[in-house]
Amino acid sequence: MADIGKELIFELLKQVEQTLGDVEYKIDEIRSELSACREEQLLMLHDLQVAQSAWSGRRGM
Protein backbone atom coordinates (compact mmCIF):
# COMPACT_ATOMS: atom_id res chain seq x y z
CA MET A 1 0.00 0.00 0.00
CA ALA A 2 2.83 2.40 0.83
CA ASP A 3 4.44 1.64 -2.54
CA ILE A 4 1.27 2.70 -4.36
CA GLY A 5 1.27 5.99 -2.44
CA LYS A 6 4.91 6.56 -3.30
CA GLU A 7 4.27 5.80 -6.98
CA LEU A 8 1.32 8.19 -7.07
CA ILE A 9 3.35 10.93 -5.41
CA PHE A 10 6.22 10.29 -7.83
CA GLU A 11 3.88 10.51 -10.87
CA LEU A 12 2.29 13.65 -9.46
CA LEU A 13 5.70 15.25 -8.95
CA LYS A 14 6.68 14.35 -12.52
CA GLN A 15 3.53 16.04 -13.81
CA VAL A 16 4.18 19.11 -11.67
CA GLU A 17 7.75 19.26 -12.97
CA GLN A 18 6.55 19.02 -16.57
CA THR A 19 3.92 21.70 -15.99
CA LEU A 20 6.52 24.01 -14.46
CA GLY A 21 8.76 23.42 -17.47
CA ASP A 22 5.88 24.36 -19.78
CA VAL A 23 5.19 27.48 -17.72
CA GLU A 24 8.87 28.51 -17.80
CA TYR A 25 8.92 28.05 -21.59
CA LYS A 26 5.79 30.22 -21.94
CA ILE A 27 7.30 32.88 -19.66
CA ASP A 28 10.40 32.96 -21.88
CA GLU A 29 8.17 33.40 -24.95
CA ILE A 30 6.31 36.26 -23.28
CA ARG A 31 9.58 37.94 -22.26
CA SER A 32 10.81 37.75 -25.85
CA GLU A 33 7.56 39.25 -27.14
CA LEU A 34 7.71 42.05 -24.56
CA SER A 35 11.30 42.80 -25.50
CA ALA A 36 10.35 42.98 -29.18
CA CYS A 37 7.45 45.29 -28.32
CA ARG A 38 9.75 47.57 -26.33
CA GLU A 39 12.19 47.75 -29.23
CA GLU A 40 9.36 48.56 -31.62
CA GLN A 41 8.04 51.26 -29.27
CA LEU A 42 11.49 52.84 -29.04
CA LEU A 43 11.79 52.87 -32.84
CA MET A 44 8.34 54.44 -33.12
CA LEU A 45 9.24 57.05 -30.51
CA HIS A 46 12.42 57.88 -32.39
CA ASP A 47 10.50 58.22 -35.67
CA LEU A 48 7.96 60.46 -33.94
CA GLN A 49 10.71 62.66 -32.49
CA VAL A 50 12.37 62.95 -35.90
CA ALA A 51 9.06 63.85 -37.53
CA GLN A 52 8.28 66.35 -34.78
CA SER A 53 11.71 67.92 -35.14
CA ALA A 54 11.31 68.19 -38.90
CA TRP A 55 7.83 69.72 -38.47
CA SER A 56 9.14 72.22 -35.92
CA GLY A 57 11.95 73.16 -38.32
CA ARG A 58 9.49 73.84 -41.11
CA ARG A 59 7.23 75.95 -38.92
CA GLY A 60 10.18 78.06 -37.80
CA MET A 61 11.08 79.01 -41.35
PDB file of N, CA and C in Angstrom:
ATOM      1  N   MET A   1       0.811  -1.191   0.000  1.00  0.00           N
ATOM      2  CA  MET A   1       0.000   0.000   0.000  1.00  0.00           C
ATOM      3  C   MET A   1       0.862   1.266   0.000  1.00  0.00           C
ATOM      4  N   ALA A   2       1.938   1.241   0.770  1.00  0.00           N
ATOM      5  CA  ALA A   2       2.826   2.400   0.826  1.00  0.00           C
ATOM      6  C   ALA A   2       3.513   2.621  -0.506  1.00  0.00           C
ATOM      7  N   ASP A   3       3.806   1.515  -1.230  1.00  0.00           N
ATOM      8  CA  ASP A   3       4.442   1.637  -2.539  1.00  0.00           C
ATOM      9  C   ASP A   3       3.525   2.339  -3.533  1.00  0.00           C
ATOM     10  N   ILE A   4       2.243   2.052  -3.467  1.00  0.00           N
ATOM     11  CA  ILE A   4       1.272   2.696  -4.360  1.00  0.00           C
ATOM     12  C   ILE A   4       1.234   4.201  -4.085  1.00  0.00           C
ATOM     13  N   GLY A   5       1.252   4.574  -2.822  1.00  0.00           N
ATOM     14  CA  GLY A   5       1.271   5.987  -2.441  1.00  0.00           C
ATOM     15  C   GLY A   5       2.520   6.675  -2.942  1.00  0.00           C
ATOM     16  N   LYS A   6       3.655   5.988  -2.819  1.00  0.00           N
ATOM     17  CA  LYS A   6       4.914   6.559  -3.296  1.00  0.00           C
ATOM     18  C   LYS A   6       4.888   6.715  -4.808  1.00  0.00           C
ATOM     19  N   GLU A   7       4.345   5.737  -5.522  1.00  0.00           N
ATOM     20  CA  GLU A   7       4.271   5.805  -6.978  1.00  0.00           C
ATOM     21  C   GLU A   7       3.361   6.949  -7.423  1.00  0.00           C
ATOM     22  N   LEU A   8       2.236   7.098  -6.728  1.00  0.00           N
ATOM     23  CA  LEU A   8       1.321   8.189  -7.068  1.00  0.00           C
ATOM     24  C   LEU A   8       1.968   9.551  -6.838  1.00  0.00           C
ATOM     25  N   ILE A   9       2.656   9.679  -5.721  1.00  0.00           N
ATOM     26  CA  ILE A   9       3.354  10.931  -5.410  1.00  0.00           C
ATOM     27  C   ILE A   9       4.429  11.188  -6.453  1.00  0.00           C
ATOM     28  N   PHE A  10       5.167  10.145  -6.835  1.00  0.00           N
ATOM     29  CA  PHE A  10       6.221  10.293  -7.834  1.00  0.00           C
ATOM     30  C   PHE A  10       5.624  10.754  -9.169  1.00  0.00           C
ATOM     31  N   GLU A  11       4.537  10.128  -9.606  1.00  0.00           N
ATOM     32  CA  GLU A  11       3.879  10.511 -10.867  1.00  0.00           C
ATOM     33  C   GLU A  11       3.357  11.941 -10.791  1.00  0.00           C
ATOM     34  N   LEU A  12       2.789  12.287  -9.643  1.00  0.00           N
ATOM     35  CA  LEU A  12       2.294  13.646  -9.459  1.00  0.00           C
ATOM     36  C   LEU A  12       3.425  14.660  -9.547  1.00  0.00           C
ATOM     37  N   LEU A  13       4.544  14.354  -8.913  1.00  0.00           N
ATOM     38  CA  LEU A  13       5.697  15.253  -8.954  1.00  0.00           C
ATOM     39  C   LEU A  13       6.246  15.383 -10.374  1.00  0.00           C
ATOM     40  N   LYS A  14       6.239  14.285 -11.126  1.00  0.00           N
ATOM     41  CA  LYS A  14       6.680  14.352 -12.521  1.00  0.00           C
ATOM     42  C   LYS A  14       5.777  15.279 -13.330  1.00  0.00           C
ATOM     43  N   GLN A  15       4.466  15.175 -13.096  1.00  0.00           N
ATOM     44  CA  GLN A  15       3.526  16.043 -13.808  1.00  0.00           C
ATOM     45  C   GLN A  15       3.713  17.509 -13.419  1.00  0.00           C
ATOM     46  N   VAL A  16       3.943  17.747 -12.144  1.00  0.00           N
ATOM     47  CA  VAL A  16       4.183  19.114 -11.672  1.00  0.00           C
ATOM     48  C   VAL A  16       5.451  19.660 -12.315  1.00  0.00           C
ATOM     49  N   GLU A  17       6.489  18.847 -12.356  1.00  0.00           N
ATOM     50  CA  GLU A  17       7.754  19.262 -12.967  1.00  0.00           C
ATOM     51  C   GLU A  17       7.559  19.597 -14.449  1.00  0.00           C
ATOM     52  N   GLN A  18       6.805  18.775 -15.160  1.00  0.00           N
ATOM     53  CA  GLN A  18       6.547  19.016 -16.573  1.00  0.00           C
ATOM     54  C   GLN A  18       5.738  20.300 -16.761  1.00  0.00           C
ATOM     55  N   THR A  19       4.751  20.493 -15.912  1.00  0.00           N
ATOM     56  CA  THR A  19       3.922  21.696 -15.992  1.00  0.00           C
ATOM     57  C   THR A  19       4.762  22.938 -15.744  1.00  0.00           C
ATOM     58  N   LEU A  20       5.638  22.872 -14.746  1.00  0.00           N
ATOM     59  CA  LEU A  20       6.524  24.011 -14.462  1.00  0.00           C
ATOM     60  C   LEU A  20       7.447  24.290 -15.639  1.00  0.00           C
ATOM     61  N   GLY A  21       7.923  23.243 -16.282  1.00  0.00           N
ATOM     62  CA  GLY A  21       8.756  23.418 -17.472  1.00  0.00           C
ATOM     63  C   GLY A  21       7.986  24.110 -18.581  1.00  0.00           C
ATOM     64  N   ASP A  22       6.729  23.718 -18.768  1.00  0.00           N
ATOM     65  CA  ASP A  22       5.877  24.360 -19.776  1.00  0.00           C
ATOM     66  C   ASP A  22       5.649  25.829 -19.439  1.00  0.00           C
ATOM     67  N   VAL A  23       5.425  26.106 -18.161  1.00  0.00           N
ATOM     68  CA  VAL A  23       5.192  27.483 -17.723  1.00  0.00           C
ATOM     69  C   VAL A  23       6.454  28.320 -17.940  1.00  0.00           C
ATOM     70  N   GLU A  24       7.612  27.782 -17.604  1.00  0.00           N
ATOM     71  CA  GLU A  24       8.868  28.507 -17.805  1.00  0.00           C
ATOM     72  C   GLU A  24       9.090  28.810 -19.281  1.00  0.00           C
ATOM     73  N   TYR A  25       8.777  27.847 -20.152  1.00  0.00           N
ATOM     74  CA  TYR A  25       8.918  28.046 -21.590  1.00  0.00           C
ATOM     75  C   TYR A  25       7.998  29.179 -22.051  1.00  0.00           C
ATOM     76  N   LYS A  26       6.757  29.187 -21.563  1.00  0.00           N
ATOM     77  CA  LYS A  26       5.792  30.220 -21.936  1.00  0.00           C
ATOM     78  C   LYS A  26       6.248  31.581 -21.431  1.00  0.00           C
ATOM     79  N   ILE A  27       6.789  31.623 -20.218  1.00  0.00           N
ATOM     80  CA  ILE A  27       7.298  32.879 -19.662  1.00  0.00           C
ATOM     81  C   ILE A  27       8.430  33.411 -20.537  1.00  0.00           C
ATOM     82  N   ASP A  28       9.315  32.538 -20.989  1.00  0.00           N
ATOM     83  CA  ASP A  28      10.399  32.963 -21.879  1.00  0.00           C
ATOM     84  C   ASP A  28       9.850  33.532 -23.181  1.00  0.00           C
ATOM     85  N   GLU A  29       8.802  32.894 -23.723  1.00  0.00           N
ATOM     86  CA  GLU A  29       8.169  33.396 -24.951  1.00  0.00           C
ATOM     87  C   GLU A  29       7.595  34.794 -24.724  1.00  0.00           C
ATOM     88  N   ILE A  30       6.930  34.966 -23.592  1.00  0.00           N
ATOM     89  CA  ILE A  30       6.314  36.260 -23.282  1.00  0.00           C
ATOM     90  C   ILE A  30       7.390  37.323 -23.102  1.00  0.00           C
ATOM     91  N   ARG A  31       8.477  36.977 -22.434  1.00  0.00           N
ATOM     92  CA  ARG A  31       9.578  37.938 -22.260  1.00  0.00           C
ATOM     93  C   ARG A  31      10.140  38.373 -23.606  1.00  0.00           C
ATOM     94  N   SER A  32      10.303  37.420 -24.513  1.00  0.00           N
ATOM     95  CA  SER A  32      10.810  37.748 -25.854  1.00  0.00           C
ATOM     96  C   SER A  32       9.857  38.678 -26.586  1.00  0.00           C
ATOM     97  N   GLU A  33       8.563  38.400 -26.486  1.00  0.00           N
ATOM     98  CA  GLU A  33       7.563  39.252 -27.138  1.00  0.00           C
ATOM     99  C   GLU A  33       7.565  40.656 -26.537  1.00  0.00           C
ATOM    100  N   LEU A  34       7.669  40.739 -25.213  1.00  0.00           N
ATOM    101  CA  LEU A  34       7.705  42.051 -24.558  1.00  0.00           C
ATOM    102  C   LEU A  34       8.949  42.834 -24.971  1.00  0.00           C
ATOM    103  N   SER A  35      10.056  42.148 -25.078  1.00  0.00           N
ATOM    104  CA  SER A  35      11.296  42.800 -25.503  1.00  0.00           C
ATOM    105  C   SER A  35      11.158  43.340 -26.921  1.00  0.00           C
ATOM    106  N   ALA A  36      10.560  42.543 -27.802  1.00  0.00           N
ATOM    107  CA  ALA A  36      10.354  42.978 -29.182  1.00  0.00           C
ATOM    108  C   ALA A  36       9.403  44.177 -29.219  1.00  0.00           C
ATOM    109  N   CYS A  37       8.379  44.168 -28.380  1.00  0.00           N
ATOM    110  CA  CYS A  37       7.448  45.289 -28.322  1.00  0.00           C
ATOM    111  C   CYS A  37       8.151  46.554 -27.849  1.00  0.00           C
ATOM    112  N   ARG A  38       9.008  46.412 -26.834  1.00  0.00           N
ATOM    113  CA  ARG A  38       9.750  47.568 -26.329  1.00  0.00           C
ATOM    114  C   ARG A  38      10.639  48.154 -27.415  1.00  0.00           C
ATOM    115  N   GLU A  39      11.328  47.283 -28.147  1.00  0.00           N
ATOM    116  CA  GLU A  39      12.190  47.754 -29.226  1.00  0.00           C
ATOM    117  C   GLU A  39      11.370  48.479 -30.287  1.00  0.00           C
ATOM    118  N   GLU A  40      10.217  47.934 -30.618  1.00  0.00           N
ATOM    119  CA  GLU A  40       9.357  48.564 -31.616  1.00  0.00           C
ATOM    120  C   GLU A  40       8.858  49.917 -31.119  1.00  0.00           C
ATOM    121  N   GLN A  41       8.498  49.995 -29.835  1.00  0.00           N
ATOM    122  CA  GLN A  41       8.042  51.264 -29.275  1.00  0.00           C
ATOM    123  C   GLN A  41       9.147  52.313 -29.312  1.00  0.00           C
ATOM    124  N   LEU A  42      10.375  51.897 -28.999  1.00  0.00           N
ATOM    125  CA  LEU A  42      11.490  52.839 -29.041  1.00  0.00           C
ATOM    126  C   LEU A  42      11.735  53.344 -30.463  1.00  0.00           C
ATOM    127  N   LEU A  43      11.633  52.451 -31.440  1.00  0.00           N
ATOM    128  CA  LEU A  43      11.791  52.869 -32.836  1.00  0.00           C
ATOM    129  C   LEU A  43      10.678  53.833 -33.237  1.00  0.00           C
ATOM    130  N   MET A  44       9.465  53.546 -32.808  1.00  0.00           N
ATOM    131  CA  MET A  44       8.342  54.440 -33.123  1.00  0.00           C
ATOM    132  C   MET A  44       8.527  55.797 -32.455  1.00  0.00           C
ATOM    133  N   LEU A  45       8.992  55.801 -31.216  1.00  0.00           N
ATOM    134  CA  LEU A  45       9.243  57.048 -30.507  1.00  0.00           C
ATOM    135  C   LEU A  45      10.312  57.857 -31.222  1.00  0.00           C
ATOM    136  N   HIS A  46      11.347  57.196 -31.653  1.00  0.00           N
ATOM    137  CA  HIS A  46      12.422  57.877 -32.387  1.00  0.00           C
ATOM    138  C   HIS A  46      11.873  58.487 -33.674  1.00  0.00           C
ATOM    139  N   ASP A  47      11.091  57.710 -34.430  1.00  0.00           N
ATOM    140  CA  ASP A  47      10.500  58.223 -35.669  1.00  0.00           C
ATOM    141  C   ASP A  47       9.601  59.426 -35.395  1.00  0.00           C
ATOM    142  N   LEU A  48       8.836  59.347 -34.307  1.00  0.00           N
ATOM    143  CA  LEU A  48       7.961  60.456 -33.944  1.00  0.00           C
ATOM    144  C   LEU A  48       8.771  61.698 -33.593  1.00  0.00           C
ATOM    145  N   GLN A  49       9.858  61.518 -32.859  1.00  0.00           N
ATOM    146  CA  GLN A  49      10.707  62.660 -32.489  1.00  0.00           C
ATOM    147  C   GLN A  49      11.352  63.279 -33.721  1.00  0.00           C
ATOM    148  N   VAL A  50      11.771  62.437 -34.663  1.00  0.00           N
ATOM    149  CA  VAL A  50      12.370  62.950 -35.903  1.00  0.00           C
ATOM    150  C   VAL A  50      11.326  63.733 -36.696  1.00  0.00           C
ATOM    151  N   ALA A  51      10.126  63.169 -36.798  1.00  0.00           N
ATOM    152  CA  ALA A  51       9.056  63.851 -37.534  1.00  0.00           C
ATOM    153  C   ALA A  51       8.684  65.166 -36.848  1.00  0.00           C
ATOM    154  N   GLN A  52       8.618  65.143 -35.531  1.00  0.00           N
ATOM    155  CA  GLN A  52       8.277  66.350 -34.781  1.00  0.00           C
ATOM    156  C   GLN A  52       9.356  67.416 -34.963  1.00  0.00           C
ATOM    157  N   SER A  53      10.600  66.989 -34.941  1.00  0.00           N
ATOM    158  CA  SER A  53      11.708  67.917 -35.139  1.00  0.00           C
ATOM    159  C   SER A  53      11.661  68.519 -36.545  1.00  0.00           C
ATOM    160  N   ALA A  54      11.393  67.697 -37.526  1.00  0.00           N
ATOM    161  CA  ALA A  54      11.306  68.188 -38.902  1.00  0.00           C
ATOM    162  C   ALA A  54      10.138  69.156 -39.036  1.00  0.00           C
ATOM    163  N   TRP A  55       9.010  68.846 -38.401  1.00  0.00           N
ATOM    164  CA  TRP A  55       7.831  69.717 -38.469  1.00  0.00           C
ATOM    165  C   TRP A  55       8.120  71.062 -37.781  1.00  0.00           C
ATOM    166  N   SER A  56       8.798  71.002 -36.644  1.00  0.00           N
ATOM    167  CA  SER A  56       9.141  72.224 -35.922  1.00  0.00           C
ATOM    168  C   SER A  56      10.090  73.080 -36.753  1.00  0.00           C
ATOM    169  N   GLY A  57      11.008  72.431 -37.465  1.00  0.00           N
ATOM    170  CA  GLY A  57      11.945  73.156 -38.316  1.00  0.00           C
ATOM    171  C   GLY A  57      11.247  73.863 -39.459  1.00  0.00           C
ATOM    172  N   ARG A  58      10.240  73.231 -40.014  1.00  0.00           N
ATOM    173  CA  ARG A  58       9.487  73.840 -41.115  1.00  0.00           C
ATOM    174  C   ARG A  58       8.657  75.014 -40.632  1.00  0.00           C
ATOM    175  N   ARG A  59       8.075  74.863 -39.443  1.00  0.00           N
ATOM    176  CA  ARG A  59       7.231  75.954 -38.920  1.00  0.00           C
ATOM    177  C   ARG A  59       8.067  77.176 -38.567  1.00  0.00           C
ATOM    178  N   GLY A  60       9.320  76.946 -38.204  1.00  0.00           N
ATOM    179  CA  GLY A  60      10.180  78.057 -37.797  1.00  0.00           C
ATOM    180  C   GLY A  60      10.746  78.826 -38.974  1.00  0.00           C
ATOM    181  N   MET A  61      10.516  78.337 -40.168  1.00  0.00           N
ATOM    182  CA  MET A  61      11.079  79.008 -41.350  1.00  0.00           C
ATOM    183  C   MET A  61      10.309  80.236 -41.729  1.00  0.00           C
TER     184      MET A  61
END
